[in-house]
Amino acid sequence: MMQYCERQAVDLSGLLEQLASLQLNIKTLVAMVFAASNGEWDEAGICDWIDENGGIFAKDGEVVDFVNYVLKNTVVNQSEPIEMAPSEEKKSVSL
């Protein structure tokens, strides 16, 4: 998503706002897929892929899987505790 942010001139908070609103439009979705493909797909190919998979209103399929993947790996679910790796845990200091 770093490439998406750079191409769209949006910072991390802007990306998180877009994802949290869950109001992705076709332009945003195409830009996200383009960034994820590292520029290997062009806009027409991405739109064809979206259409072939039921469009932006599909309830399942590859487009929904892509959006869910982005959400799952970008937005932190604050209702679940964040597990820290052992090296990141706070160490208590005895005085």
N, C-alpha and C. Protein backbone atom coordinates (compact mmCIF):
# COMPACT_ATOMS: atom_id res chain seq x y z
N MET A 1 0.82 -1.20 0.00
CA MET A 1 0.00 0.00 0.00
C MET A 1 0.86 1.25 0.00
N MET A 2 2.17 1.08 0.25
CA MET A 2 3.06 2.23 0.20
C MET A 2 3.06 2.83 -1.20
N GLN A 3 3.08 1.98 -2.23
CA GLN A 3 3.05 2.49 -3.61
C GLN A 3 1.75 3.23 -3.89
N TYR A 4 0.66 2.72 -3.36
CA TYR A 4 -0.63 3.39 -3.54
C TYR A 4 -0.56 4.79 -2.91
N CYS A 5 -0.05 4.86 -1.69
CA CYS A 5 0.03 6.16 -1.01
C CYS A 5 0.90 7.13 -1.78
N GLU A 6 2.03 6.65 -2.30
CA GLU A 6 2.92 7.53 -3.07
C GLU A 6 2.24 8.01 -4.35
N ARG A 7 1.59 7.11 -5.07
CA ARG A 7 0.95 7.47 -6.34
C ARG A 7 -0.23 8.40 -6.14
N GLN A 8 -0.95 8.25 -5.03
CA GLN A 8 -2.14 9.06 -4.77
C GLN A 8 -1.84 10.29 -3.92
N ALA A 9 -0.57 10.45 -3.54
CA ALA A 9 -0.15 11.57 -2.69
C ALA A 9 -0.99 11.65 -1.43
N VAL A 10 -1.14 10.50 -0.78
CA VAL A 10 -1.89 10.44 0.47
C VAL A 10 -0.97 9.83 1.53
N ASP A 11 -1.06 10.31 2.75
CA ASP A 11 -0.23 9.75 3.81
C ASP A 11 -0.95 8.57 4.45
N LEU A 12 -0.30 7.94 5.41
CA LEU A 12 -0.87 6.76 6.04
C LEU A 12 -2.22 7.04 6.68
N SER A 13 -2.36 8.19 7.32
CA SER A 13 -3.65 8.50 7.95
C SER A 13 -4.75 8.65 6.90
N GLY A 14 -4.41 9.21 5.74
CA GLY A 14 -5.38 9.32 4.66
C GLY A 14 -5.81 7.97 4.13
N LEU A 15 -4.84 7.05 4.01
CA LEU A 15 -5.16 5.69 3.57
C LEU A 15 -6.07 5.01 4.58
N LEU A 16 -5.73 5.14 5.86
CA LEU A 16 -6.54 4.51 6.90
C LEU A 16 -7.96 5.07 6.92
N GLU A 17 -8.09 6.38 6.68
CA GLU A 17 -9.42 6.98 6.62
C GLU A 17 -10.22 6.40 5.45
N GLN A 18 -9.57 6.24 4.29
CA GLN A 18 -10.25 5.67 3.13
C GLN A 18 -10.71 4.25 3.42
N LEU A 19 -9.83 3.46 4.02
CA LEU A 19 -10.17 2.07 4.30
C LEU A 19 -11.23 1.96 5.40
N ALA A 20 -11.13 2.80 6.41
CA ALA A 20 -12.09 2.75 7.51
C ALA A 20 -13.49 3.16 7.07
N SER A 21 -13.57 4.03 6.09
CA SER A 21 -14.89 4.49 5.62
C SER A 21 -15.60 3.40 4.83
N LEU A 22 -14.85 2.44 4.32
CA LEU A 22 -15.40 1.35 3.50
C LEU A 22 -16.21 1.87 2.33
N GLN A 23 -15.89 3.07 1.86
CA GLN A 23 -16.57 3.65 0.72
C GLN A 23 -15.59 3.78 -0.43
N LEU A 24 -15.12 2.63 -0.92
CA LEU A 24 -14.18 2.63 -2.02
C LEU A 24 -14.93 2.86 -3.32
N ASN A 25 -14.46 3.78 -4.12
CA ASN A 25 -15.05 3.97 -5.43
C ASN A 25 -14.18 3.25 -6.47
N ILE A 26 -14.62 3.20 -7.69
CA ILE A 26 -13.92 2.45 -8.73
C ILE A 26 -12.51 3.04 -8.96
N LYS A 27 -12.39 4.34 -8.90
CA LYS A 27 -11.09 4.99 -9.12
C LYS A 27 -10.09 4.55 -8.05
N THR A 28 -10.52 4.54 -6.79
CA THR A 28 -9.65 4.14 -5.69
C THR A 28 -9.29 2.67 -5.80
N LEU A 29 -10.28 1.83 -6.11
CA LEU A 29 -10.03 0.40 -6.24
C LEU A 29 -9.04 0.12 -7.37
N VAL A 30 -9.21 0.77 -8.51
CA VAL A 30 -8.28 0.59 -9.63
C VAL A 30 -6.88 1.03 -9.23
N ALA A 31 -6.77 2.15 -8.53
CA ALA A 31 -5.46 2.63 -8.10
C ALA A 31 -4.80 1.66 -7.12
N MET A 32 -5.57 1.05 -6.24
CA MET A 32 -5.02 0.08 -5.28
C MET A 32 -4.54 -1.18 -5.99
N VAL A 33 -5.34 -1.68 -6.94
CA VAL A 33 -4.94 -2.88 -7.68
C VAL A 33 -3.71 -2.57 -8.54
N PHE A 34 -3.68 -1.40 -9.15
CA PHE A 34 -2.53 -1.01 -9.96
C PHE A 34 -1.26 -0.99 -9.13
N ALA A 35 -1.35 -0.39 -7.94
CA ALA A 35 -0.18 -0.34 -7.06
C ALA A 35 0.22 -1.75 -6.61
N ALA A 36 -0.77 -2.57 -6.29
CA ALA A 36 -0.48 -3.94 -5.84
C ALA A 36 0.15 -4.78 -6.94
N SER A 37 -0.17 -4.47 -8.19
CA SER A 37 0.38 -5.24 -9.31
C SER A 37 1.74 -4.71 -9.75
N ASN A 38 2.25 -3.71 -9.04
CA ASN A 38 3.53 -3.08 -9.39
C ASN A 38 3.53 -2.56 -10.82
N GLY A 39 2.38 -2.09 -11.27
CA GLY A 39 2.28 -1.50 -12.60
C GLY A 39 2.21 -2.51 -13.72
N GLU A 40 2.08 -3.80 -13.39
CA GLU A 40 2.02 -4.83 -14.44
C GLU A 40 0.69 -4.82 -15.17
N TRP A 41 -0.37 -4.37 -14.53
CA TRP A 41 -1.68 -4.29 -15.16
C TRP A 41 -1.96 -2.83 -15.51
N ASP A 42 -2.65 -2.61 -16.60
CA ASP A 42 -3.07 -1.25 -16.92
C ASP A 42 -4.51 -1.05 -16.46
N GLU A 43 -4.98 0.17 -16.55
CA GLU A 43 -6.32 0.49 -16.04
C GLU A 43 -7.41 -0.34 -16.73
N ALA A 44 -7.30 -0.52 -18.04
CA ALA A 44 -8.30 -1.29 -18.77
C ALA A 44 -8.31 -2.75 -18.31
N GLY A 45 -7.12 -3.32 -18.10
CA GLY A 45 -7.03 -4.70 -17.63
C GLY A 45 -7.61 -4.87 -16.25
N ILE A 46 -7.38 -3.90 -15.39
CA ILE A 46 -7.92 -3.95 -14.03
C ILE A 46 -9.45 -3.85 -14.07
N CYS A 47 -9.97 -2.95 -14.88
CA CYS A 47 -11.43 -2.81 -14.99
C CYS A 47 -12.05 -4.09 -15.56
N ASP A 48 -11.37 -4.71 -16.53
CA ASP A 48 -11.87 -5.99 -17.07
C ASP A 48 -11.89 -7.04 -15.97
N TRP A 49 -10.82 -7.10 -15.16
CA TRP A 49 -10.75 -8.06 -14.06
C TRP A 49 -11.88 -7.84 -13.06
N ILE A 50 -12.14 -6.58 -12.75
CA ILE A 50 -13.24 -6.25 -11.82
C ILE A 50 -14.57 -6.70 -12.42
N ASP A 51 -14.80 -6.38 -13.70
CA ASP A 51 -16.06 -6.77 -14.36
C ASP A 51 -16.21 -8.29 -14.42
N GLU A 52 -15.13 -8.99 -14.74
CA GLU A 52 -15.18 -10.45 -14.85
C GLU A 52 -15.47 -11.12 -13.51
N ASN A 53 -15.21 -10.40 -12.41
CA ASN A 53 -15.42 -10.96 -11.08
C ASN A 53 -16.64 -10.37 -10.39
N GLY A 54 -17.60 -9.91 -11.18
CA GLY A 54 -18.87 -9.46 -10.61
C GLY A 54 -18.97 -7.98 -10.33
N GLY A 55 -17.96 -7.21 -10.66
CA GLY A 55 -18.01 -5.77 -10.44
C GLY A 55 -17.74 -5.38 -8.99
N ILE A 56 -17.88 -4.11 -8.72
CA ILE A 56 -17.56 -3.61 -7.38
C ILE A 56 -18.64 -3.93 -6.36
N PHE A 57 -19.80 -4.39 -6.83
CA PHE A 57 -20.89 -4.72 -5.90
C PHE A 57 -21.00 -6.21 -5.61
N ALA A 58 -20.06 -7.00 -6.12
CA ALA A 58 -20.08 -8.44 -5.88
C ALA A 58 -19.95 -8.73 -4.39
N LYS A 59 -20.66 -9.74 -3.93
CA LYS A 59 -20.61 -10.09 -2.52
C LYS A 59 -19.49 -11.09 -2.21
N ASP A 60 -18.94 -11.71 -3.24
CA ASP A 60 -17.80 -12.61 -3.06
C ASP A 60 -16.98 -12.62 -4.35
N GLY A 61 -15.85 -13.29 -4.33
CA GLY A 61 -15.00 -13.35 -5.51
C GLY A 61 -13.66 -12.68 -5.26
N GLU A 62 -12.86 -12.59 -6.32
CA GLU A 62 -11.50 -12.08 -6.19
C GLU A 62 -11.43 -10.61 -5.80
N VAL A 63 -12.37 -9.81 -6.26
CA VAL A 63 -12.34 -8.38 -5.91
C VAL A 63 -12.57 -8.21 -4.41
N VAL A 64 -13.56 -8.92 -3.88
CA VAL A 64 -13.85 -8.86 -2.45
C VAL A 64 -12.67 -9.43 -1.66
N ASP A 65 -12.08 -10.51 -2.16
CA ASP A 65 -10.92 -11.10 -1.50
C ASP A 65 -9.77 -10.10 -1.44
N PHE A 66 -9.56 -9.36 -2.53
CA PHE A 66 -8.50 -8.35 -2.57
C PHE A 66 -8.75 -7.26 -1.53
N VAL A 67 -9.97 -6.72 -1.51
CA VAL A 67 -10.30 -5.65 -0.56
C VAL A 67 -10.17 -6.17 0.88
N ASN A 68 -10.66 -7.38 1.14
CA ASN A 68 -10.53 -7.95 2.49
C ASN A 68 -9.07 -8.14 2.88
N TYR A 69 -8.25 -8.56 1.93
CA TYR A 69 -6.81 -8.72 2.20
C TYR A 69 -6.18 -7.38 2.59
N VAL A 70 -6.51 -6.35 1.82
CA VAL A 70 -5.97 -5.02 2.11
C VAL A 70 -6.43 -4.57 3.49
N LEU A 71 -7.71 -4.72 3.79
CA LEU A 71 -8.23 -4.31 5.09
C LEU A 71 -7.57 -5.09 6.22
N LYS A 72 -7.48 -6.39 6.07
CA LYS A 72 -6.92 -7.24 7.12
C LYS A 72 -5.46 -6.92 7.39
N ASN A 73 -4.73 -6.57 6.36
CA ASN A 73 -3.29 -6.37 6.51
C ASN A 73 -2.89 -4.91 6.65
N THR A 74 -3.86 -4.01 6.63
CA THR A 74 -3.54 -2.58 6.76
C THR A 74 -4.17 -1.97 8.00
N VAL A 75 -5.41 -2.31 8.27
CA VAL A 75 -6.13 -1.71 9.38
C VAL A 75 -6.02 -2.61 10.61
N VAL A 76 -5.62 -2.02 11.72
CA VAL A 76 -5.50 -2.77 12.96
C VAL A 76 -6.87 -2.90 13.60
N ASN A 77 -7.24 -4.12 13.94
CA ASN A 77 -8.50 -4.37 14.64
C ASN A 77 -8.27 -4.08 16.12
N GLN A 78 -8.80 -2.99 16.60
CA GLN A 78 -8.53 -2.56 17.96
C GLN A 78 -9.34 -3.34 18.99
N SER A 79 -10.25 -4.19 18.56
CA SER A 79 -11.00 -4.98 19.52
C SER A 79 -10.24 -6.24 19.92
N GLU A 80 -9.19 -6.56 19.19
CA GLU A 80 -8.37 -7.71 19.52
C GLU A 80 -7.05 -7.23 20.12
N PRO A 81 -6.55 -7.90 21.15
CA PRO A 81 -5.28 -7.49 21.74
C PRO A 81 -4.14 -7.72 20.75
N ILE A 82 -3.20 -6.82 20.74
CA ILE A 82 -2.04 -6.94 19.87
C ILE A 82 -0.97 -7.73 20.61
N GLU A 83 -0.54 -8.83 20.00
CA GLU A 83 0.47 -9.65 20.62
C GLU A 83 1.84 -9.14 20.19
N MET A 84 2.71 -8.99 21.15
CA MET A 84 4.05 -8.52 20.87
C MET A 84 5.00 -9.70 20.85
N ALA A 85 6.01 -9.61 20.00
CA ALA A 85 7.04 -10.64 19.97
C ALA A 85 7.82 -10.56 21.27
N PRO A 86 8.41 -11.67 21.71
CA PRO A 86 9.15 -11.66 22.99
C PRO A 86 10.19 -10.55 23.09
N SER A 87 10.86 -10.23 22.00
CA SER A 87 11.89 -9.19 22.05
C SER A 87 11.30 -7.80 22.18
N GLU A 88 10.01 -7.65 21.88
CA GLU A 88 9.36 -6.34 21.95
C GLU A 88 8.64 -6.12 23.28
N GLU A 89 8.50 -7.15 24.08
CA GLU A 89 7.78 -7.00 25.34
C GLU A 89 8.55 -6.09 26.27
N LYS A 90 7.79 -5.36 27.06
CA LYS A 90 8.43 -4.48 28.03
C LYS A 90 9.08 -5.33 29.11
N LYS A 91 10.28 -4.96 29.43
CA LYS A 91 11.00 -5.69 30.48
C LYS A 91 10.89 -4.90 31.77
N SER A 92 10.56 -5.60 32.83
CA SER A 92 10.46 -4.90 34.11
C SER A 92 11.87 -4.75 34.69
N VAL A 93 12.05 -3.64 35.32
CA VAL A 93 13.37 -3.35 35.91
C VAL A 93 13.22 -3.41 37.42
N SER A 94 14.05 -4.21 38.04
CA SER A 94 14.03 -4.30 39.52
C SER A 94 14.90 -3.20 40.07
N LEU A 95 14.39 -2.51 41.06
CA LEU A 95 15.16 -1.42 41.69
C LEU A 95 15.73 -1.87 43.00
